[in-house]
PDB file of N, CA and C in Angstrom:
ATOM      1  N   MET A   1       0.781  -1.244  -0.118  1.00  0.00           N
ATOM      2  CA  MET A   1       0.039   0.018   0.001  1.00  0.00           C
ATOM      3  C   MET A   1       0.924   1.307   0.197  1.00  0.00           C
ATOM      4  N   GLY A   2       0.819   2.029  -0.937  1.00  0.00           N
ATOM      5  CA  GLY A   2       1.603   3.211  -1.066  1.00  0.00           C
ATOM      6  C   GLY A   2       0.986   4.403  -0.372  1.00  0.00           C
ATOM      7  N   GLY A   3       1.695   5.519   0.167  1.00  0.00           N
ATOM      8  CA  GLY A   3       1.181   6.884   0.517  1.00  0.00           C
ATOM      9  C   GLY A   3       1.251   7.761  -0.590  1.00  0.00           C
ATOM     10  N   PRO A   4       1.038   8.952  -0.492  1.00  0.00           N
ATOM     11  CA  PRO A   4       1.034  10.029  -1.444  1.00  0.00           C
ATOM     12  C   PRO A   4       2.328   9.843  -2.148  1.00  0.00           C
ATOM     13  N   ARG A   5       2.295   9.954  -3.378  1.00  0.00           N
ATOM     14  CA  ARG A   5       3.455  10.000  -4.360  1.00  0.00           C
ATOM     15  C   ARG A   5       4.224  11.507  -4.027  1.00  0.00           C
ATOM     16  N   LEU A   6       5.615  11.352  -4.000  1.00  0.00           N
ATOM     17  CA  LEU A   6       6.398  12.417  -3.618  1.00  0.00           C
ATOM     18  C   LEU A   6       7.534  12.731  -4.734  1.00  0.00           C
ATOM     19  N   GLU A   7       7.782  14.014  -4.697  1.00  0.00           N
ATOM     20  CA  GLU A   7       8.853  14.338  -5.780  1.00  0.00           C
ATOM     21  C   GLU A   7       9.833  15.108  -4.951  1.00  0.00           C
ATOM     22  N   ASN A   8      10.919  15.073  -5.538  1.00  0.00           N
ATOM     23  CA  ASN A   8      12.341  15.897  -4.922  1.00  0.00           C
ATOM     24  C   ASN A   8      12.206  17.375  -5.387  1.00  0.00           C
ATOM     25  N   MET A   9      12.576  18.120  -4.442  1.00  0.00           N
ATOM     26  CA  MET A   9      12.531  19.668  -4.727  1.00  0.00           C
ATOM     27  C   MET A   9      13.569  20.504  -3.911  1.00  0.00           C
ATOM     28  N   ALA A  10      14.049  21.480  -4.418  1.00  0.00           N
ATOM     29  CA  ALA A  10      14.950  22.422  -3.705  1.00  0.00           C
ATOM     30  C   ALA A  10      14.097  23.603  -3.400  1.00  0.00           C
ATOM     31  N   THR A  11      14.319  24.206  -2.237  1.00  0.00           N
ATOM     32  CA  THR A  11      13.531  25.222  -1.629  1.00  0.00           C
ATOM     33  C   THR A  11      14.503  26.496  -1.785  1.00  0.00           C
ATOM     34  N   VAL A  12      14.035  27.402  -2.584  1.00  0.00           N
ATOM     35  CA  VAL A  12      14.868  28.412  -2.937  1.00  0.00           C
ATOM     36  C   VAL A  12      14.256  29.824  -2.732  1.00  0.00           C
ATOM     37  N   LEU A  13      14.912  30.828  -2.091  1.00  0.00           N
ATOM     38  CA  LEU A  13      14.370  32.300  -1.992  1.00  0.00           C
ATOM     39  C   LEU A  13      15.031  32.990  -3.219  1.00  0.00           C
ATOM     40  N   VAL A  14      14.176  33.710  -4.117  1.00  0.00           N
ATOM     41  CA  VAL A  14      14.489  34.375  -5.445  1.00  0.00           C
ATOM     42  C   VAL A  14      14.124  35.635  -5.324  1.00  0.00           C
ATOM     43  N   ASP A  15      15.017  36.608  -5.651  1.00  0.00           N
ATOM     44  CA  ASP A  15      14.746  38.046  -5.831  1.00  0.00           C
ATOM     45  C   ASP A  15      13.565  38.280  -6.838  1.00  0.00           C
ATOM     46  N   PRO A  16      12.519  38.910  -6.552  1.00  0.00           N
ATOM     47  CA  PRO A  16      11.410  39.001  -7.365  1.00  0.00           C
ATOM     48  C   PRO A  16      11.936  39.781  -8.705  1.00  0.00           C
ATOM     49  N   ALA A  17      12.838  40.575  -8.459  1.00  0.00           N
ATOM     50  CA  ALA A  17      13.234  41.294  -9.703  1.00  0.00           C
ATOM     51  C   ALA A  17      14.025  40.377 -11.019  1.00  0.00           C
ATOM     52  N   VAL A  18      14.216  39.022 -10.529  1.00  0.00           N
ATOM     53  CA  VAL A  18      14.685  38.329 -11.504  1.00  0.00           C
ATOM     54  C   VAL A  18      13.787  37.036 -11.869  1.00  0.00           C
ATOM     55  N   LEU A  19      12.670  36.845 -11.079  1.00  0.00           N
ATOM     56  CA  LEU A  19      12.001  35.668 -11.025  1.00  0.00           C
ATOM     57  C   LEU A  19      11.491  35.201 -12.251  1.00  0.00           C
ATOM     58  N   ASP A  20      10.956  36.166 -13.174  1.00  0.00           N
ATOM     59  CA  ASP A  20      10.473  35.643 -14.476  1.00  0.00           C
ATOM     60  C   ASP A  20      11.509  35.210 -15.269  1.00  0.00           C
ATOM     61  N   ASP A  21      12.564  35.706 -15.352  1.00  0.00           N
ATOM     62  CA  ASP A  21      13.787  35.475 -16.320  1.00  0.00           C
ATOM     63  C   ASP A  21      14.359  34.130 -15.769  1.00  0.00           C
ATOM     64  N   PHE A  22      14.525  34.076 -14.140  1.00  0.00           N
ATOM     65  CA  PHE A  22      14.927  32.917 -13.465  1.00  0.00           C
ATOM     66  C   PHE A  22      14.229  31.817 -13.924  1.00  0.00           C
ATOM     67  N   GLU A  23      12.776  31.775 -13.782  1.00  0.00           N
ATOM     68  CA  GLU A  23      11.949  30.766 -14.145  1.00  0.00           C
ATOM     69  C   GLU A  23      12.079  30.256 -15.530  1.00  0.00           C
ATOM     70  N   LEU A  24      12.167  31.030 -16.668  1.00  0.00           N
ATOM     71  CA  LEU A  24      12.243  30.751 -17.913  1.00  0.00           C
ATOM     72  C   LEU A  24      13.624  29.958 -18.150  1.00  0.00           C
ATOM     73  N   ASP A  25      14.769  30.475 -17.731  1.00  0.00           N
ATOM     74  CA  ASP A  25      16.006  30.005 -17.713  1.00  0.00           C
ATOM     75  C   ASP A  25      15.972  28.493 -17.114  1.00  0.00           C
ATOM     76  N   LEU A  26      15.371  28.237 -15.891  1.00  0.00           N
ATOM     77  CA  LEU A  26      15.347  26.905 -15.516  1.00  0.00           C
ATOM     78  C   LEU A  26      14.427  25.936 -16.161  1.00  0.00           C
ATOM     79  N   MET A  27      13.321  26.535 -16.628  1.00  0.00           N
ATOM     80  CA  MET A  27      12.398  25.638 -17.407  1.00  0.00           C
ATOM     81  C   MET A  27      13.175  25.278 -18.543  1.00  0.00           C
ATOM     82  N   SER A  28      13.885  26.039 -19.459  1.00  0.00           N
ATOM     83  CA  SER A  28      14.755  25.665 -20.673  1.00  0.00           C
ATOM     84  C   SER A  28      15.722  24.372 -20.191  1.00  0.00           C
ATOM     85  N   ALA A  29      15.998  24.291 -19.038  1.00  0.00           N
ATOM     86  CA  ALA A  29      16.974  23.135 -18.617  1.00  0.00           C
ATOM     87  C   ALA A  29      16.127  22.250 -17.956  1.00  0.00           C
ATOM     88  N   ASP A  30      14.846  22.113 -18.010  1.00  0.00           N
ATOM     89  CA  ASP A  30      13.850  21.142 -17.510  1.00  0.00           C
ATOM     90  C   ASP A  30      13.826  20.900 -16.221  1.00  0.00           C
ATOM     91  N   PHE A  31      13.661  22.013 -15.434  1.00  0.00           N
ATOM     92  CA  PHE A  31      13.309  22.333 -14.086  1.00  0.00           C
ATOM     93  C   PHE A  31      12.263  23.091 -14.124  1.00  0.00           C
ATOM     94  N   ARG A  32      11.265  22.644 -12.967  1.00  0.00           N
ATOM     95  CA  ARG A  32      10.108  23.355 -12.936  1.00  0.00           C
ATOM     96  C   ARG A  32      10.100  24.294 -11.567  1.00  0.00           C
ATOM     97  N   VAL A  33       9.706  25.495 -11.795  1.00  0.00           N
ATOM     98  CA  VAL A  33       9.686  26.521 -10.654  1.00  0.00           C
ATOM     99  C   VAL A  33       8.226  26.795 -10.185  1.00  0.00           C
ATOM    100  N   TRP A  34       8.181  26.538  -8.824  1.00  0.00           N
ATOM    101  CA  TRP A  34       6.863  26.747  -8.307  1.00  0.00           C
ATOM    102  C   TRP A  34       6.826  27.744  -7.146  1.00  0.00           C
ATOM    103  N   ALA A  35       6.111  28.805  -7.367  1.00  0.00           N
ATOM    104  CA  ALA A  35       6.047  29.611  -6.157  1.00  0.00           C
ATOM    105  C   ALA A  35       5.303  29.119  -5.063  1.00  0.00           C
ATOM    106  N   VAL A  36       5.694  28.918  -3.836  1.00  0.00           N
ATOM    107  CA  VAL A  36       5.117  28.351  -2.811  1.00  0.00           C
ATOM    108  C   VAL A  36       3.903  28.835  -2.577  1.00  0.00           C
ATOM    109  N   HIS A  37       3.720  30.335  -2.559  1.00  0.00           N
ATOM    110  CA  HIS A  37       2.568  30.807  -2.215  1.00  0.00           C
ATOM    111  C   HIS A  37       1.266  30.628  -2.935  1.00  0.00           C
ATOM    112  N   SER A  38       1.809  30.079  -4.130  1.00  0.00           N
ATOM    113  CA  SER A  38       0.318  29.620  -5.031  1.00  0.00           C
ATOM    114  C   SER A  38       0.207  28.123  -5.365  1.00  0.00           C
ATOM    115  N   THR A  39       0.927  27.254  -4.421  1.00  0.00           N
ATOM    116  CA  THR A  39       0.758  25.910  -4.626  1.00  0.00           C
ATOM    117  C   THR A  39      -0.591  25.347  -3.970  1.00  0.00           C
ATOM    118  N   ASP A  40      -0.978  24.274  -4.129  1.00  0.00           N
ATOM    119  CA  ASP A  40      -2.088  23.741  -3.514  1.00  0.00           C
ATOM    120  C   ASP A  40      -1.811  22.609  -2.383  1.00  0.00           C
ATOM    121  N   VAL A  41      -0.603  22.593  -2.035  1.00  0.00           N
ATOM    122  CA  VAL A  41      -0.195  21.562  -1.151  1.00  0.00           C
ATOM    123  C   VAL A  41      -0.660  21.945   0.397  1.00  0.00           C
ATOM    124  N   PHE A  42      -0.838  23.422   0.595  1.00  0.00           N
ATOM    125  CA  PHE A  42      -1.065  23.916   1.922  1.00  0.00           C
ATOM    126  C   PHE A  42      -2.366  24.508   1.845  1.00  0.00           C
ATOM    127  N   ALA A  43      -3.393  24.427   3.051  1.00  0.00           N
ATOM    128  CA  ALA A  43      -4.569  25.160   3.070  1.00  0.00           C
ATOM    129  C   ALA A  43      -4.408  26.661   3.170  1.00  0.00           C
ATOM    130  N   ASP A  44      -3.368  27.218   3.444  1.00  0.00           N
ATOM    131  CA  ASP A  44      -2.907  28.588   3.285  1.00  0.00           C
ATOM    132  C   ASP A  44      -1.737  28.754   2.746  1.00  0.00           C
ATOM    133  N   ALA A  45      -1.475  28.691   1.514  1.00  0.00           N
ATOM    134  CA  ALA A  45      -0.113  28.603   0.799  1.00  0.00           C
ATOM    135  C   ALA A  45       0.707  29.934   1.224  1.00  0.00           C
ATOM    136  N   ALA A  46       0.076  31.049   1.272  1.00  0.00           N
ATOM    137  CA  ALA A  46       0.630  32.166   1.401  1.00  0.00           C
ATOM    138  C   ALA A  46       1.424  32.406   2.630  1.00  0.00           C
ATOM    139  N   ARG A  47       0.627  31.846   3.682  1.00  0.00           N
ATOM    140  CA  ARG A  47       1.151  31.801   5.245  1.00  0.00           C
ATOM    141  C   ARG A  47       2.339  30.878   5.159  1.00  0.00           C
ATOM    142  N   ALA A  48       2.035  29.657   4.497  1.00  0.00           N
ATOM    143  CA  ALA A  48       3.256  28.632   4.470  1.00  0.00           C
ATOM    144  C   ALA A  48       4.492  29.192   3.876  1.00  0.00           C
ATOM    145  N   ALA A  49       4.220  29.947   2.676  1.00  0.00           N
ATOM    146  CA  ALA A  49       5.599  30.529   2.059  1.00  0.00           C
ATOM    147  C   ALA A  49       6.196  31.516   3.311  1.00  0.00           C
ATOM    148  N   MET A  50       5.484  32.150   3.917  1.00  0.00           N
ATOM    149  CA  MET A  50       5.897  33.524   4.628  1.00  0.00           C
ATOM    150  C   MET A  50       6.693  32.616   5.760  1.00  0.00           C
ATOM    151  N   GLN A  51       6.072  31.584   6.308  1.00  0.00           N
ATOM    152  CA  GLN A  51       6.802  30.863   7.471  1.00  0.00           C
ATOM    153  C   GLN A  51       8.011  30.095   6.877  1.00  0.00           C
ATOM    154  N   ILE A  52       8.070  29.658   5.548  1.00  0.00           N
ATOM    155  CA  ILE A  52       9.324  29.135   5.128  1.00  0.00           C
ATOM    156  C   ILE A  52      10.485  30.175   5.032  1.00  0.00           C
ATOM    157  N   ARG A  53       9.969  31.134   4.344  1.00  0.00           N
ATOM    158  CA  ARG A  53      10.859  32.248   4.237  1.00  0.00           C
ATOM    159  C   ARG A  53      11.499  32.809   5.559  1.00  0.00           C
ATOM    160  N   ARG A  54      10.745  32.924   6.524  1.00  0.00           N
ATOM    161  CA  ARG A  54      11.145  33.311   7.926  1.00  0.00           C
ATOM    162  C   ARG A  54      12.120  32.488   8.548  1.00  0.00           C
ATOM    163  N   SER A  55      11.730  30.977   8.363  1.00  0.00           N
ATOM    164  CA  SER A  55      12.752  29.830   8.916  1.00  0.00           C
ATOM    165  C   SER A  55      14.066  29.908   8.165  1.00  0.00           C
ATOM    166  N   LEU A  56      14.005  30.133   6.972  1.00  0.00           N
ATOM    167  CA  LEU A  56      15.349  30.120   6.143  1.00  0.00           C
ATOM    168  C   LEU A  56      16.141  31.344   6.503  1.00  0.00           C
ATOM    169  N   ILE A  57      15.667  32.501   6.693  1.00  0.00           N
ATOM    170  CA  ILE A  57      16.274  33.523   7.076  1.00  0.00           C
ATOM    171  C   ILE A  57      16.815  33.523   8.450  1.00  0.00           C
ATOM    172  N   GLU A  58      15.953  33.022   9.329  1.00  0.00           N
ATOM    173  CA  GLU A  58      16.468  32.886  10.970  1.00  0.00           C
ATOM    174  C   GLU A  58      17.553  31.685  10.654  1.00  0.00           C
ATOM    175  N   TRP A  59      17.557  30.813   9.987  1.00  0.00           N
ATOM    176  CA  TRP A  59      18.463  29.628  10.029  1.00  0.00           C
ATOM    177  C   TRP A  59      19.868  30.276   9.593  1.00  0.00           C
ATOM    178  N   SER A  60      19.717  31.289   8.548  1.00  0.00           N
ATOM    179  CA  SER A  60      21.056  31.921   7.998  1.00  0.00           C
ATOM    180  C   SER A  60      21.699  32.872   9.080  1.00  0.00           C
ATOM    181  N   ASN A  61      21.032  33.042  10.318  1.00  0.00           N
ATOM    182  CA  ASN A  61      21.760  33.998  11.141  1.00  0.00           C
ATOM    183  C   ASN A  61      22.025  35.514  10.657  1.00  0.00           C
ATOM    184  N   GLY A  62      21.079  35.887   9.860  1.00  0.00           N
ATOM    185  CA  GLY A  62      21.138  37.264   9.393  1.00  0.00           C
ATOM    186  C   GLY A  62      21.900  37.263   8.127  1.00  0.00           C
ATOM    187  N   ARG A  63      22.491  36.308   7.773  1.00  0.00           N
ATOM    188  CA  ARG A  63      23.205  36.466   6.262  1.00  0.00           C
ATOM    189  C   ARG A  63      22.366  36.712   5.016  1.00  0.00           C
ATOM    190  N   TRP A  64      21.032  36.145   5.319  1.00  0.00           N
ATOM    191  CA  TRP A  64      20.252  36.409   4.148  1.00  0.00           C
ATOM    192  C   TRP A  64      18.998  37.501   4.585  1.00  0.00           C
ATOM    193  N   GLU A  65      19.410  38.414   5.229  1.00  0.00           N
ATOM    194  CA  GLU A  65      18.565  39.483   5.562  1.00  0.00           C
ATOM    195  C   GLU A  65      17.760  40.212   4.323  1.00  0.00           C
ATOM    196  N   LEU A  66      18.699  40.155   3.355  1.00  0.00           N
ATOM    197  CA  LEU A  66      18.199  41.132   2.011  1.00  0.00           C
ATOM    198  C   LEU A  66      17.001  40.273   1.474  1.00  0.00           C
ATOM    199  N   ALA A  67      16.912  39.126   1.793  1.00  0.00           N
ATOM    200  CA  ALA A  67      15.801  38.130   1.151  1.00  0.00           C
ATOM    201  C   ALA A  67      14.352  38.068   1.834  1.00  0.00           C
ATOM    202  N   THR A  68      14.275  39.027   2.855  1.00  0.00           N
ATOM    203  CA  THR A  68      12.917  39.342   3.535  1.00  0.00           C
ATOM    204  C   THR A  68      11.685  39.264   2.768  1.00  0.00           C
ATOM    205  N   GLU A  69      11.912  39.884   1.616  1.00  0.00           N
ATOM    206  CA  GLU A  69      10.609  39.893   0.530  1.00  0.00           C
ATOM    207  C   GLU A  69      10.803  39.095  -0.548  1.00  0.00           C
ATOM    208  N   TRP A  70      11.665  38.273  -0.538  1.00  0.00           N
ATOM    209  CA  TRP A  70      11.750  37.472  -1.689  1.00  0.00           C
ATOM    210  C   TRP A  70      10.866  36.182  -2.003  1.00  0.00           C
ATOM    211  N   THR A  71      10.844  35.892  -2.945  1.00  0.00           N
ATOM    212  CA  THR A  71       9.719  34.798  -3.196  1.00  0.00           C
ATOM    213  C   THR A  71      10.358  33.363  -2.913  1.00  0.00           C
ATOM    214  N   VAL A  72       9.484  32.732  -2.057  1.00  0.00           N
ATOM    215  CA  VAL A  72       9.948  31.297  -1.915  1.00  0.00           C
ATOM    216  C   VAL A  72       9.345  30.380  -2.946  1.00  0.00           C
ATOM    217  N   VAL A  73      10.443  29.654  -3.709  1.00  0.00           N
ATOM    218  CA  VAL A  73      10.047  28.686  -4.733  1.00  0.00           C
ATOM    219  C   VAL A  73      10.435  27.494  -4.350  1.00  0.00           C
ATOM    220  N   TRP A  74      10.024  26.439  -4.842  1.00  0.00           N
ATOM    221  CA  TRP A  74      10.379  24.954  -5.102  1.00  0.00           C
ATOM    222  C   TRP A  74      10.607  24.685  -6.416  1.00  0.00           C
ATOM    223  N   ILE A  75      11.785  23.956  -6.627  1.00  0.00           N
ATOM    224  CA  ILE A  75      12.288  23.630  -7.883  1.00  0.00           C
ATOM    225  C   ILE A  75      12.344  22.103  -7.932  1.00  0.00           C
ATOM    226  N   THR A  76      11.525  21.579  -8.964  1.00  0.00           N
ATOM    227  CA  THR A  76      11.355  20.088  -9.199  1.00  0.00           C
ATOM    228  C   THR A  76      12.119  19.668 -10.535  1.00  0.00           C
ATOM    229  N   PHE A  77      12.267  18.576 -10.742  1.00  0.00           N
ATOM    230  CA  PHE A  77      12.784  18.065 -11.998  1.00  0.00           C
ATOM    231  C   PHE A  77      12.039  17.681 -12.987  1.00  0.00           C
ATOM    232  N   GLY A  78      12.017  18.042 -14.187  1.00  0.00           N
ATOM    233  CA  GLY A  78      11.273  17.676 -15.164  1.00  0.00           C
ATOM    234  C   GLY A  78      11.380  16.177 -15.780  1.00  0.00           C
ATOM    235  N   GLU A  79      10.757  15.768 -16.703  1.00  0.00           N
ATOM    236  CA  GLU A  79      10.900  14.421 -17.229  1.00  0.00           C
ATOM    237  C   GLU A  79      12.238  13.918 -17.625  1.00  0.00           C
ATOM    238  N   SER A  80      12.993  14.819 -18.380  1.00  0.00           N
ATOM    239  CA  SER A  80      14.381  14.544 -19.019  1.00  0.00           C
ATOM    240  C   SER A  80      15.234  14.228 -17.737  1.00  0.00           C
ATOM    241  N   TRP A  81      15.031  14.600 -16.547  1.00  0.00           N
ATOM    242  CA  TRP A  81      15.926  14.143 -15.400  1.00  0.00           C
ATOM    243  C   TRP A  81      15.460  12.926 -14.582  1.00  0.00           C
ATOM    244  N   LEU A  82      14.087  12.572 -15.004  1.00  0.00           N
ATOM    245  CA  LEU A  82      13.762  11.264 -14.203  1.00  0.00           C
ATOM    246  C   LEU A  82      13.846   9.898 -14.826  1.00  0.00           C
ATOM    247  N   ASP A  83      13.908   8.941 -14.096  1.00  0.00           N
ATOM    248  CA  ASP A  83      13.813   7.475 -14.562  1.00  0.00           C
ATOM    249  C   ASP A  83      12.954   6.828 -13.623  1.00  0.00           C
ATOM    250  N   GLY A  84      11.558   6.909 -14.096  1.00  0.00           N
ATOM    251  CA  GLY A  84      10.508   6.216 -13.455  1.00  0.00           C
ATOM    252  C   GLY A  84      10.622   6.806 -11.888  1.00  0.00           C
ATOM    253  N   ASP A  85      10.552   5.600 -11.049  1.00  0.00           N
ATOM    254  CA  ASP A  85      10.544   5.861  -9.639  1.00  0.00           C
ATOM    255  C   ASP A  85      12.081   5.805  -8.897  1.00  0.00           C
ATOM    256  N   GLU A  86      12.919   5.848  -9.862  1.00  0.00           N
ATOM    257  CA  GLU A  86      14.266   5.727  -9.325  1.00  0.00           C
ATOM    258  C   GLU A  86      14.711   7.136  -8.771  1.00  0.00           C
ATOM    259  N   PRO A  87      15.722   7.077  -7.922  1.00  0.00           N
ATOM    260  CA  PRO A  87      16.020   8.468  -7.196  1.00  0.00           C
ATOM    261  C   PRO A  87      16.455   9.473  -8.247  1.00  0.00           C
ATOM    262  N   VAL A  88      16.292  10.665  -8.154  1.00  0.00           N
ATOM    263  CA  VAL A  88      16.940  11.726  -9.037  1.00  0.00           C
ATOM    264  C   VAL A  88      18.472  11.563  -9.182  1.00  0.00           C
ATOM    265  N   PRO A  89      19.133  11.330 -10.296  1.00  0.00           N
ATOM    266  CA  PRO A  89      20.433  11.136 -10.448  1.00  0.00           C
ATOM    267  C   PRO A  89      21.337  12.202  -9.848  1.00  0.00           C
ATOM    268  N   TRP A  90      22.522  12.003  -9.428  1.00  0.00           N
ATOM    269  CA  TRP A  90      23.352  13.025  -9.210  1.00  0.00           C
ATOM    270  C   TRP A  90      23.758  14.079 -10.275  1.00  0.00           C
ATOM    271  N   SER A  91      23.655  13.687 -11.420  1.00  0.00           N
ATOM    272  CA  SER A  91      23.806  14.833 -12.747  1.00  0.00           C
ATOM    273  C   SER A  91      22.622  15.812 -12.486  1.00  0.00           C
ATOM    274  N   ALA A  92      21.523  15.412 -12.103  1.00  0.00           N
ATOM    275  CA  ALA A  92      20.380  16.316 -12.007  1.00  0.00           C
ATOM    276  C   ALA A  92      20.930  17.315 -10.921  1.00  0.00           C
ATOM    277  N   HIS A  93      21.131  16.816  -9.697  1.00  0.00           N
ATOM    278  CA  HIS A  93      21.340  17.498  -8.619  1.00  0.00           C
ATOM    279  C   HIS A  93      22.450  18.476  -9.012  1.00  0.00           C
ATOM    280  N   SER A  94      23.574  18.116  -9.485  1.00  0.00           N
ATOM    281  CA  SER A  94      24.818  18.963 -10.030  1.00  0.00           C
ATOM    282  C   SER A  94      24.293  19.899 -11.022  1.00  0.00           C
ATOM    283  N   ALA A  95      23.407  19.609 -11.909  1.00  0.00           N
ATOM    284  CA  ALA A  95      23.010  20.576 -12.907  1.00  0.00           C
ATOM    285  C   ALA A  95      22.166  21.569 -12.161  1.00  0.00           C
ATOM    286  N   LEU A  96      21.370  21.262 -11.199  1.00  0.00           N
ATOM    287  CA  LEU A  96      20.603  22.431 -10.644  1.00  0.00           C
ATOM    288  C   LEU A  96      21.483  23.320  -9.742  1.00  0.00           C
ATOM    289  N   TRP A  97      22.426  22.715  -8.954  1.00  0.00           N
ATOM    290  CA  TRP A  97      23.412  23.639  -8.246  1.00  0.00           C
ATOM    291  C   TRP A  97      24.106  24.505  -9.015  1.00  0.00           C
ATOM    292  N   ALA A  98      24.601  23.869 -10.339  1.00  0.00           N
ATOM    293  CA  ALA A  98      25.203  25.076 -11.348  1.00  0.00           C
ATOM    294  C   ALA A  98      24.422  26.023 -11.818  1.00  0.00           C
ATOM    295  N   LYS A  99      23.049  25.702 -12.120  1.00  0.00           N
ATOM    296  CA  LYS A  99      22.279  26.880 -12.594  1.00  0.00           C
ATOM    297  C   LYS A  99      21.960  27.671 -11.541  1.00  0.00           C
ATOM    298  N   LEU A 100      21.661  27.261 -10.442  1.00  0.00           N
ATOM    299  CA  LEU A 100      21.486  28.202  -9.279  1.00  0.00           C
ATOM    300  C   LEU A 100      22.795  29.097  -8.936  1.00  0.00           C
ATOM    301  N   SER A 101      23.906  28.668  -9.110  1.00  0.00           N
ATOM    302  CA  SER A 101      25.141  29.331  -8.912  1.00  0.00           C
ATOM    303  C   SER A 101      25.257  30.594  -9.947  1.00  0.00           C
ATOM    304  N   GLU A 102      24.468  30.461 -11.127  1.00  0.00           N
ATOM    305  CA  GLU A 102      24.551  31.573 -12.171  1.00  0.00           C
ATOM    306  C   GLU A 102      23.747  32.698 -11.622  1.00  0.00           C
ATOM    307  N   TYR A 103      22.931  32.453 -10.563  1.00  0.00           N
ATOM    308  CA  TYR A 103      22.000  33.537  -9.827  1.00  0.00           C
ATOM    309  C   TYR A 103      22.457  33.729  -8.575  1.00  0.00           C
ATOM    310  N   ALA A 104      23.677  33.603  -8.274  1.00  0.00           N
ATOM    311  CA  ALA A 104      24.209  33.819  -6.929  1.00  0.00           C
ATOM    312  C   ALA A 104      23.923  34.948  -6.276  1.00  0.00           C
ATOM    313  N   GLU A 105      23.753  36.086  -6.816  1.00  0.00           N
ATOM    314  CA  GLU A 105      23.248  37.372  -6.125  1.00  0.00           C
ATOM    315  C   GLU A 105      21.815  37.605  -6.001  1.00  0.00           C
ATOM    316  N   HIS A 106      21.038  36.535  -6.604  1.00  0.00           N
ATOM    317  CA  HIS A 106      19.599  36.958  -6.509  1.00  0.00           C
ATOM    318  C   HIS A 106      18.877  35.492  -5.973  1.00  0.00           C
ATOM    319  N   VAL A 107      19.610  34.729  -5.276  1.00  0.00           N
ATOM    320  CA  VAL A 107      18.953  33.497  -4.718  1.00  0.00           C
ATOM    321  C   VAL A 107      19.610  33.041  -3.543  1.00  0.00           C
ATOM    322  N   ARG A 108      18.994  32.436  -2.648  1.00  0.00           N
ATOM    323  CA  ARG A 108      19.552  31.898  -1.392  1.00  0.00           C
ATOM    324  C   ARG A 108      18.826  30.534  -1.083  1.00  0.00           C
ATOM    325  N   TYR A 109      19.836  29.572  -0.932  1.00  0.00           N
ATOM    326  CA  TYR A 109      19.251  28.088  -0.607  1.00  0.00           C
ATOM    327  C   TYR A 109      20.224  27.410  -0.022  1.00  0.00           C
ATOM    328  N   ASN A 110      19.947  26.255   0.652  1.00  0.00           N
ATOM    329  CA  ASN A 110      20.937  25.371   0.976  1.00  0.00           C
ATOM    330  C   ASN A 110      20.916  24.221   0.121  1.00  0.00           C
ATOM    331  N   LEU A 111      22.161  23.560   0.156  1.00  0.00           N
ATOM    332  CA  LEU A 111      22.289  22.388  -0.753  1.00  0.00           C
ATOM    333  C   LEU A 111      21.517  21.293  -0.118  1.00  0.00           C
ATOM    334  N   GLY A 112      20.891  20.456  -0.908  1.00  0.00           N
ATOM    335  CA  GLY A 112      20.138  19.373  -0.627  1.00  0.00           C
ATOM    336  C   GLY A 112      18.561  19.532  -1.033  1.00  0.00           C
ATOM    337  N   LEU A 113      18.067  18.376  -1.099  1.00  0.00           N
ATOM    338  CA  LEU A 113      16.608  18.230  -1.489  1.00  0.00           C
ATOM    339  C   LEU A 113      15.830  17.953  -0.342  1.00  0.00           C
ATOM    340  N   SER A 114      14.473  18.173  -0.533  1.00  0.00           N
ATOM    341  CA  SER A 114      13.587  17.659   0.314  1.00  0.00           C
ATOM    342  C   SER A 114      12.250  16.995  -0.636  1.00  0.00           C
ATOM    343  N   SER A 115      11.477  16.764  -0.038  1.00  0.00           N
ATOM    344  CA  SER A 115      10.250  16.179  -1.017  1.00  0.00           C
ATOM    345  C   SER A 115       9.055  16.949  -0.633  1.00  0.00           C
ATOM    346  N   VAL A 116       8.145  16.813  -1.564  1.00  0.00           N
ATOM    347  CA  VAL A 116       6.795  17.497  -1.605  1.00  0.00           C
ATOM    348  C   VAL A 116       5.755  16.458  -2.355  1.00  0.00           C
ATOM    349  N   PRO A 117       4.534  16.586  -1.869  1.00  0.00           N
ATOM    350  CA  PRO A 117       3.530  15.793  -2.748  1.00  0.00           C
ATOM    351  C   PRO A 117       3.696  16.186  -4.332  1.00  0.00           C
ATOM    352  N   ARG A 118       3.416  15.385  -5.142  1.00  0.00           N
ATOM    353  CA  ARG A 118       3.522  15.676  -6.506  1.00  0.00           C
ATOM    354  C   ARG A 118       2.823  16.872  -6.845  1.00  0.00           C
ATOM    355  N   LEU A 119       3.552  17.848  -7.490  1.00  0.00           N
ATOM    356  CA  LEU A 119       2.764  19.175  -8.007  1.00  0.00           C
ATOM    357  C   LEU A 119       1.871  19.072  -9.129  1.00  0.00           C
ATOM    358  N   GLY A 120       1.224  20.120  -9.411  1.00  0.00           N
ATOM    359  CA  GLY A 120       0.113  19.928 -10.485  1.00  0.00           C
ATOM    360  C   GLY A 120       0.475  19.729 -11.971  1.00  0.00           C
ATOM    361  N   VAL A 121       1.683  19.257 -12.509  1.00  0.00           N
ATOM    362  CA  VAL A 121       1.912  19.068 -14.021  1.00  0.00           C
ATOM    363  C   VAL A 121       1.637  17.553 -14.072  1.00  0.00           C
ATOM    364  N   PRO A 122       0.896  17.074 -14.871  1.00  0.00           N
ATOM    365  CA  PRO A 122       0.650  15.793 -15.269  1.00  0.00           C
ATOM    366  C   PRO A 122       2.155  15.113 -15.675  1.00  0.00           C
ATOM    367  N   ARG A 123       2.239  14.079 -15.383  1.00  0.00           N
ATOM    368  CA  ARG A 123       3.627  13.176 -15.872  1.00  0.00           C
ATOM    369  C   ARG A 123       3.051  12.513 -17.151  1.00  0.00           C
ATOM    370  N   GLU A 124       4.148  12.422 -18.210  1.00  0.00           N
ATOM    371  CA  GLU A 124       3.941  11.758 -19.208  1.00  0.00           C
ATOM    372  C   GLU A 124       4.114  10.288 -19.042  1.00  0.00           C
ATOM    373  N   ALA A 125       3.327   9.153 -19.439  1.00  0.00           N
ATOM    374  CA  ALA A 125       3.600   7.990 -19.417  1.00  0.00           C
ATOM    375  C   ALA A 125       4.857   7.598 -20.270  1.00  0.00           C
ATOM    376  N   ARG A 126       5.698   6.734 -19.571  1.00  0.00           N
ATOM    377  CA  ARG A 126       7.027   6.106 -20.146  1.00  0.00           C
ATOM    378  C   ARG A 126       6.839   4.938 -20.887  1.00  0.00           C
TER     379      ARG A 126
END
């Protein structure tokens, strides 16, 4: 008996000034960018996004204070990175961290992935 299907994601604070270009750039590399405040994972997604942002900024001990108004996003992996139910390969992790490093002045994140219930994009059958 299986529980809810989960997918790997990175939680990232993104400067709203670059968010549109950031999202398009990541999409071109087959990453999906989800603004947490507009997901259907939480009953009150806007409040959850605020709490996640606050938690990340507090964790940073003030290093990320400039991100107090930034957008919290989840980044998931598109079909080209996935192999059925196998774990996301290290090449996908590496590609994501490399892409995020290109935006170093406009993003804040911790290395590592978490999981979230599958988000609203239907998966193609393989």
